[in-house]
Protein backbone atom coordinates (compact mmCIF):
# COMPACT_ATOMS: atom_id res chain seq x y z
CA MET A 1 -0.95 45.40 -34.14
CA ALA A 2 -3.19 42.66 -36.29
CA SER A 3 -6.92 42.71 -35.94
CA ILE A 4 -9.66 40.06 -36.20
CA HIS A 5 -10.56 41.67 -39.74
CA ASP A 6 -6.84 41.62 -40.97
CA VAL A 7 -6.43 37.82 -39.91
CA ALA A 8 -10.03 37.36 -41.95
CA LYS A 9 -8.68 39.05 -44.72
CA GLU A 10 -5.45 37.24 -45.27
CA ALA A 11 -6.79 33.98 -44.66
CA GLY A 12 -9.85 34.94 -47.14
CA VAL A 13 -12.29 33.85 -44.97
CA SER A 14 -15.11 35.63 -43.07
CA VAL A 15 -14.60 37.21 -39.27
CA ALA A 16 -17.31 34.78 -37.82
CA THR A 17 -14.90 32.01 -38.88
CA VAL A 18 -12.00 33.38 -37.26
CA SER A 19 -14.30 33.86 -34.25
CA LYS A 20 -15.28 30.18 -34.56
CA VAL A 21 -11.48 29.05 -34.61
CA ILE A 22 -10.55 30.61 -32.00
CA ASN A 23 -13.47 29.69 -29.80
CA ASN A 24 -12.75 26.01 -30.96
CA TYR A 25 -16.41 25.34 -32.51
CA PRO A 26 -16.72 22.65 -34.21
CA ASP A 27 -18.40 23.56 -37.31
CA VAL A 28 -15.17 24.38 -39.07
CA SER A 29 -13.29 22.12 -41.70
CA ASP A 30 -9.94 21.05 -40.50
CA LYS A 31 -8.31 22.78 -43.61
CA THR A 32 -9.82 25.98 -42.60
CA ARG A 33 -8.97 25.60 -39.15
CA LYS A 34 -5.54 24.89 -39.94
CA LYS A 35 -5.27 28.13 -42.52
CA VAL A 36 -6.59 30.16 -39.85
CA SER A 37 -4.48 29.10 -36.87
CA GLN A 38 -1.25 29.40 -39.66
CA THR A 39 -2.45 33.14 -40.36
CA ILE A 40 -3.05 33.89 -36.73
CA LYS A 41 0.47 32.95 -35.67
CA GLN A 42 2.02 34.72 -38.98
CA LEU A 43 0.42 38.29 -38.19
CA LYS A 44 0.90 37.33 -34.58
CA TYR A 45 -2.54 38.42 -33.59
CA HIS A 46 -3.82 37.95 -29.83
CA PRO A 47 -7.50 37.20 -29.46
CA ASN A 48 -9.16 39.83 -26.96
CA VAL A 49 -9.74 37.67 -23.99
CA ALA A 50 -12.81 39.95 -22.75
CA ALA A 51 -14.62 39.82 -25.93
CA ARG A 52 -13.58 35.76 -26.07
CA GLY A 53 -15.20 35.71 -22.63
CA LEU A 54 -18.75 37.77 -23.63
CA VAL A 55 -18.64 34.81 -26.05
CA LYS A 56 -18.54 31.99 -24.08
CA GLY A 57 -19.43 33.69 -20.98
CA ARG A 58 -16.21 32.79 -19.32
CA SER A 59 -13.48 35.09 -17.95
CA TRP A 60 -10.69 32.39 -18.79
CA THR A 61 -9.36 32.27 -15.53
CA VAL A 62 -9.58 29.91 -12.37
CA GLY A 63 -8.77 30.99 -8.75
CA VAL A 64 -6.48 29.21 -6.13
CA PHE A 65 -7.34 30.02 -2.51
CA VAL A 66 -3.92 28.72 -0.62
CA THR A 67 -3.88 29.21 2.90
CA THR A 68 -0.39 27.29 3.54
CA PRO A 69 2.66 29.52 3.13
CA PHE A 70 3.96 29.54 -0.42
CA THR A 71 7.73 28.70 1.11
CA ASN A 72 6.35 25.23 2.09
CA PRO A 73 7.91 22.99 -0.57
CA PHE A 74 4.56 20.86 -0.88
CA VAL A 75 2.63 24.30 -2.09
CA ALA A 76 5.47 24.83 -4.25
CA GLU A 77 5.60 21.61 -6.02
CA LEU A 78 1.31 21.62 -6.19
CA LEU A 79 1.82 25.17 -8.04
CA GLU A 80 3.90 23.76 -10.65
CA GLY A 81 1.74 20.99 -11.39
CA ILE A 82 -1.07 23.70 -11.61
CA LYS A 83 1.23 25.57 -14.00
CA THR A 84 1.96 22.60 -15.92
CA ALA A 85 -1.54 21.91 -16.67
CA LEU A 86 -2.66 25.60 -17.21
CA GLN A 87 0.23 25.88 -20.00
CA ASN A 88 -1.93 25.01 -23.04
CA SER A 89 -5.20 24.84 -21.38
CA GLY A 90 -6.01 29.08 -22.34
CA TYR A 91 -6.84 29.89 -18.66
CA ASP A 92 -4.89 31.81 -16.22
CA LEU A 93 -4.15 31.95 -12.56
CA VAL A 94 -5.57 34.43 -9.99
CA HIS A 95 -4.38 33.92 -6.67
CA LEU A 96 -7.03 34.74 -4.08
CA SER A 97 -5.85 36.36 -0.79
CA THR A 98 -8.28 35.21 2.29
CA ARG A 99 -9.47 37.61 4.64
CA PHE A 100 -10.83 35.29 7.65
CA ASP A 101 -10.47 38.23 10.06
CA ASP A 102 -13.08 40.01 8.42
CA PRO A 103 -16.50 38.81 10.26
CA SER A 104 -18.10 39.94 6.54
CA TYR A 105 -15.67 37.97 4.33
CA SER A 106 -17.30 35.71 1.42
CA PHE A 107 -15.45 32.59 -0.24
CA LEU A 108 -17.95 33.34 -2.81
CA GLU A 109 -18.06 37.09 -3.18
CA HIS A 110 -14.34 37.11 -3.57
CA CYS A 111 -14.43 34.57 -6.41
CA MET A 112 -17.39 36.47 -8.26
CA SER A 113 -15.72 39.71 -7.64
CA ARG A 114 -12.50 38.25 -9.23
CA ASN A 115 -14.83 37.09 -12.02
CA VAL A 116 -13.27 33.75 -12.13
CA ASP A 117 -14.53 30.63 -13.76
CA GLY A 118 -13.74 28.05 -10.74
CA VAL A 119 -11.65 27.89 -7.81
CA LEU A 120 -8.94 25.23 -6.50
CA VAL A 121 -8.76 25.67 -2.57
CA PHE A 122 -5.76 24.15 -0.50
CA GLY A 123 -5.17 24.49 3.26
CA VAL A 124 -8.77 25.69 4.27
CA ASP A 125 -10.64 23.50 7.40
CA ARG A 126 -13.69 21.42 6.16
CA ASP A 127 -15.48 23.32 9.36
CA ASP A 128 -14.50 26.85 8.10
CA PRO A 129 -17.81 28.62 8.06
CA HIS A 130 -16.70 30.94 5.01
CA LEU A 131 -17.23 27.60 2.95
CA GLU A 132 -20.86 27.06 3.61
CA GLU A 133 -22.10 29.60 0.95
CA LEU A 134 -19.35 28.47 -1.65
CA LEU A 135 -20.49 24.52 -1.43
CA GLU A 136 -24.02 25.79 -2.03
CA SER A 137 -23.20 28.05 -5.15
CA ASP A 138 -22.72 27.12 -8.88
CA MET A 139 -19.14 28.09 -8.56
CA PRO A 140 -16.83 25.25 -10.09
CA THR A 141 -14.61 24.02 -7.00
CA MET A 142 -11.89 21.57 -6.47
CA PHE A 143 -10.38 21.00 -2.78
CA VAL A 144 -7.02 19.49 -2.41
CA ASP A 145 -6.57 17.35 0.80
CA ALA A 146 -9.78 17.63 2.22
CA ASP A 147 -13.06 15.53 1.89
CA ILE A 148 -15.15 18.70 1.09
CA GLN A 149 -18.03 18.07 -1.30
CA GLY A 150 -20.66 19.97 -2.78
CA ARG A 151 -23.22 20.36 -5.65
CA ARG A 152 -20.50 21.60 -7.59
CA ALA A 153 -17.35 20.58 -5.59
CA GLY A 154 -15.19 17.55 -5.78
CA TYR A 155 -12.03 17.19 -4.59
CA ILE A 156 -8.66 15.35 -4.99
CA THR A 157 -6.37 13.65 -2.50
CA THR A 158 -4.03 10.51 -2.09
CA GLU A 159 -3.61 7.06 -0.69
CA ASN A 160 -3.25 8.09 2.99
CA ARG A 161 -4.07 5.14 4.91
CA ALA A 162 -2.07 2.65 2.25
CA GLY A 163 0.93 5.26 1.86
CA ILE A 164 1.65 5.21 5.87
CA MET A 165 0.84 1.24 6.06
CA GLN A 166 3.76 0.93 3.63
CA ALA A 167 6.46 3.06 6.00
CA VAL A 168 4.97 0.66 9.04
CA GLU A 169 5.57 -2.17 6.77
CA HIS A 170 8.87 -1.30 5.82
CA LEU A 171 10.36 -0.62 9.39
CA ALA A 172 8.79 -3.82 10.53
CA GLY A 173 10.60 -5.53 7.83
CA LEU A 174 13.66 -3.92 9.23
CA GLY A 175 13.18 -5.42 12.26
CA HIS A 176 11.19 -2.25 14.14
CA SER A 177 8.93 -2.95 16.59
CA ARG A 178 9.14 0.53 18.53
CA ILE A 179 7.53 2.75 15.91
CA ALA A 180 6.23 6.22 16.83
CA PHE A 181 4.08 8.28 14.79
CA ILE A 182 3.93 11.89 14.35
CA SER A 183 0.51 12.86 13.26
CA GLY A 184 -0.93 16.26 11.73
CA GLU A 185 -4.20 17.56 13.10
CA LEU A 186 -6.66 14.91 13.47
CA ASP A 187 -9.52 17.24 12.84
CA ASN A 188 -9.56 16.27 9.26
CA ALA A 189 -9.89 13.23 6.82
CA VAL A 190 -6.11 13.34 5.78
CA GLY A 191 -4.88 13.42 9.42
CA VAL A 192 -7.51 10.44 10.57
CA LEU A 193 -6.81 8.23 7.56
CA ARG A 194 -2.83 8.58 8.02
CA LEU A 195 -3.23 7.69 11.71
CA GLU A 196 -5.78 4.68 10.62
CA GLY A 197 -2.61 3.45 8.50
CA TYR A 198 -0.30 3.55 11.42
CA THR A 199 -2.56 1.88 13.81
CA GLU A 200 -3.77 -0.92 11.09
CA GLY A 201 -0.18 -1.07 10.02
CA MET A 202 1.31 -1.98 13.38
CA LYS A 203 -1.50 -4.48 14.13
CA ALA A 204 -0.80 -6.47 10.52
CA HIS A 205 2.58 -6.90 12.04
CA GLY A 206 1.72 -7.59 15.57
CA LEU A 207 3.12 -4.98 16.90
CA ARG A 208 2.23 -3.27 20.03
CA LEU A 209 0.43 -0.10 19.76
CA LYS A 210 1.19 2.70 22.72
CA ASP A 211 -0.29 5.81 22.95
CA GLU A 212 2.68 7.80 24.33
CA TYR A 213 3.97 6.82 21.10
CA VAL A 214 1.88 8.91 19.03
CA LYS A 215 1.80 12.60 19.10
CA GLU A 216 -0.18 15.32 17.27
CA SER A 217 1.39 18.25 16.11
CA ASP A 218 1.33 20.08 12.58
CA TYR A 219 2.82 19.64 9.38
CA SER A 220 5.58 22.00 9.82
CA MET A 221 9.05 21.85 10.99
CA GLU A 222 8.55 23.18 14.01
CA GLY A 223 5.91 20.47 14.45
CA GLY A 224 8.20 18.01 13.93
CA VAL A 225 10.72 19.35 16.42
CA ARG A 226 8.01 19.74 19.16
CA ALA A 227 6.58 16.16 18.57
CA MET A 228 10.16 14.55 18.27
CA THR A 229 11.59 16.46 21.76
CA GLU A 230 8.61 14.86 23.52
CA LEU A 231 9.19 11.42 22.35
CA LEU A 232 13.03 11.65 23.08
CA GLU A 233 12.15 12.26 26.61
CA LEU A 234 10.30 9.05 26.86
CA GLU A 235 11.83 6.54 29.37
CA GLU A 236 11.78 4.07 26.20
CA ARG A 237 12.23 5.86 23.58
CA PRO A 238 11.17 4.66 19.59
CA THR A 239 13.52 3.27 17.31
CA ALA A 240 11.73 4.47 14.45
CA VAL A 241 9.14 7.32 13.52
CA VAL A 242 6.65 7.84 11.31
CA CYS A 243 5.97 11.77 10.35
CA THR A 244 3.00 12.65 8.15
CA SER A 245 4.70 15.22 5.90
CA ASP A 246 8.69 15.64 4.98
CA MET A 247 8.88 19.33 7.11
CA MET A 248 7.92 17.34 10.11
CA ALA A 249 10.68 14.68 9.37
CA PHE A 250 12.95 17.44 8.53
CA GLY A 251 12.49 18.92 12.55
CA ALA A 252 12.69 15.47 13.52
CA ILE A 253 15.59 14.68 12.58
CA ASN A 254 17.11 17.89 13.44
CA VAL A 255 16.45 17.35 17.10
CA ILE A 256 17.84 13.77 16.99
CA HIS A 257 21.45 15.04 15.68
CA ARG A 258 20.84 17.72 18.13
CA SER A 259 20.65 15.06 21.18
CA GLY A 260 23.67 13.41 19.93
CA LEU A 261 21.85 10.82 18.39
CA ASN A 262 22.15 9.47 14.55
CA VAL A 263 19.78 8.90 11.87
CA PRO A 264 19.06 6.30 11.04
CA ASP A 265 21.75 4.08 13.38
CA ASP A 266 19.73 5.22 16.62
CA ILE A 267 16.50 6.35 15.02
CA SER A 268 14.89 5.87 11.53
CA VAL A 269 12.69 8.67 10.26
CA ILE A 270 10.17 8.25 7.38
CA GLY A 271 8.54 11.41 5.96
CA PHE A 272 5.34 11.75 3.75
CA ASP A 273 4.94 13.95 0.78
CA ASN A 274 8.26 13.34 -1.55
CA THR A 275 8.80 16.73 -1.77
CA TYR A 276 11.79 18.08 -3.69
CA TYR A 277 14.01 18.46 -0.68
CA ALA A 278 13.41 15.12 0.31
CA GLU A 279 16.20 13.80 -2.04
CA ILE A 280 18.87 16.40 -1.25
CA PHE A 281 18.49 16.49 2.61
CA SER A 282 21.50 15.08 4.28
CA PRO A 283 20.51 12.18 5.09
CA ALA A 284 18.54 11.89 1.95
CA LEU A 285 14.71 11.02 3.09
CA THR A 286 13.04 8.01 3.06
CA THR A 287 9.18 9.05 2.76
CA VAL A 288 6.01 8.21 1.18
CA ASN A 289 5.51 9.71 -2.41
CA GLN A 290 2.31 11.64 -3.04
CA ASN A 291 2.70 12.69 -6.64
CA ILE A 292 2.20 16.53 -5.33
CA ARG A 293 2.55 17.94 -9.32
CA SER A 294 0.43 15.32 -10.46
CA ILE A 295 -1.92 16.07 -7.72
CA GLY A 296 -2.04 19.76 -9.20
CA SER A 297 -2.19 19.15 -12.67
CA HIS A 298 -4.99 16.86 -12.03
CA ALA A 299 -6.86 18.68 -9.86
CA ILE A 300 -7.11 21.92 -12.31
CA GLU A 301 -7.53 19.68 -15.77
CA THR A 302 -10.49 18.25 -13.29
CA LEU A 303 -11.37 22.02 -12.77
CA ILE A 304 -11.57 22.92 -15.62
CA ALA A 305 -13.73 20.06 -17.23
CA MET A 306 -16.29 21.32 -14.62
CA VAL A 307 -16.16 24.92 -15.57
CA GLU A 308 -16.58 23.51 -19.70
CA ASN A 309 -19.18 21.13 -18.74
CA ALA A 310 -22.23 22.01 -16.09
CA ASP A 311 -23.12 18.48 -16.01
CA PHE A 312 -19.87 16.90 -15.42
CA GLU A 313 -20.36 15.64 -11.85
CA PRO A 314 -17.80 16.81 -9.28
CA PRO A 315 -15.42 13.93 -8.60
CA VAL A 316 -13.52 12.25 -5.87
CA VAL A 317 -10.01 11.85 -7.08
CA THR A 318 -7.52 9.69 -5.33
CA GLU A 319 -3.89 9.75 -6.79
CA PRO A 320 -1.55 6.68 -5.46
CA SER A 321 0.93 6.49 -3.26
CA ASN A 322 4.43 4.81 -2.81
CA LEU A 323 7.11 4.32 -0.58
CA ILE A 324 10.64 5.87 -1.42
CA VAL A 325 13.45 4.53 0.21
CA ARG A 326 16.60 6.29 1.05
CA ARG A 327 19.10 6.74 3.72
CA THR A 328 16.93 7.63 6.91
CA THR A 329 15.90 4.05 7.46
CA ALA A 330 17.85 0.92 8.65
CA LYS A 331 18.03 -1.80 11.08
CA PRO A 332 17.43 -1.05 14.79
CA ARG A 333 20.40 -2.26 16.87
CA ASN A 334 17.72 -3.88 18.98
CA THR A 335 15.80 -5.74 17.29
CA VAL A 336 13.86 -7.29 20.34
CA LYS A 337 9.77 -6.98 19.71
CA LEU A 338 8.05 -5.69 22.95
């Protein structure tokens, strides 16, 4: 196995120069950098990450806290985006498992014990008491879909309000007036913004808001099943439903079909996420696209920028959203507005 001394000898430079090339120091000529890089590749030399960390004061790893199950398609695509961003970054990913049942558990201590340079957090409640210590620390942190900020913490989200307004506009344009809304939890900014999008969208088109048409649930398929079951029990059921996740929409569609009704002939359904399954589900799901992989990539790229520059201001990043029209929406059989 080649060593750094072998690389230096073969390239005709000092060990210090090889080290500078490996650690991307600027005071090396392009000619020398190219020669050393080619020699490293030729000899199949693998730099010692631990030694590199001592030089840079880093471990070259970032952690990720994800409380949502990995089987959730949103999480799967988020991780794909993270993986893409890490491929040529020089950093590796460490999954940090949470232990909320332990009263002495500390997010910050967990990060420090795994020696990560920064951490990405998804699916954690903004009011979680475990977060306070992390937010007050020097640990670079990026939150996904949570409006949480700290001295060294920023977050990334999507255009939640605008995305739902596009969904309502699409349904109103088809002639729907009895539009229901299956919301995620309303104790966080994402849930609140999506509800605001529904409310503002309905008002913008002069459509009546009915309290019984708004059902708060969770973002799972089961959450969609529960909420849709309640909507179907109404004396005047809706002709369209906007769901705040694709998984909710899948659950809602299953309930509609089991009740003997048809999507979209009897009830139109719109999801939110545009996960991989939205296109292959039958019927293919009309949904709000929130560029999940881009969110994952952008979150990690921003986190690494924070790691490598202590003066980098923790940002708030908002990704665009857009409606993808497929086969779960159509004109209602009754277009009379209420």
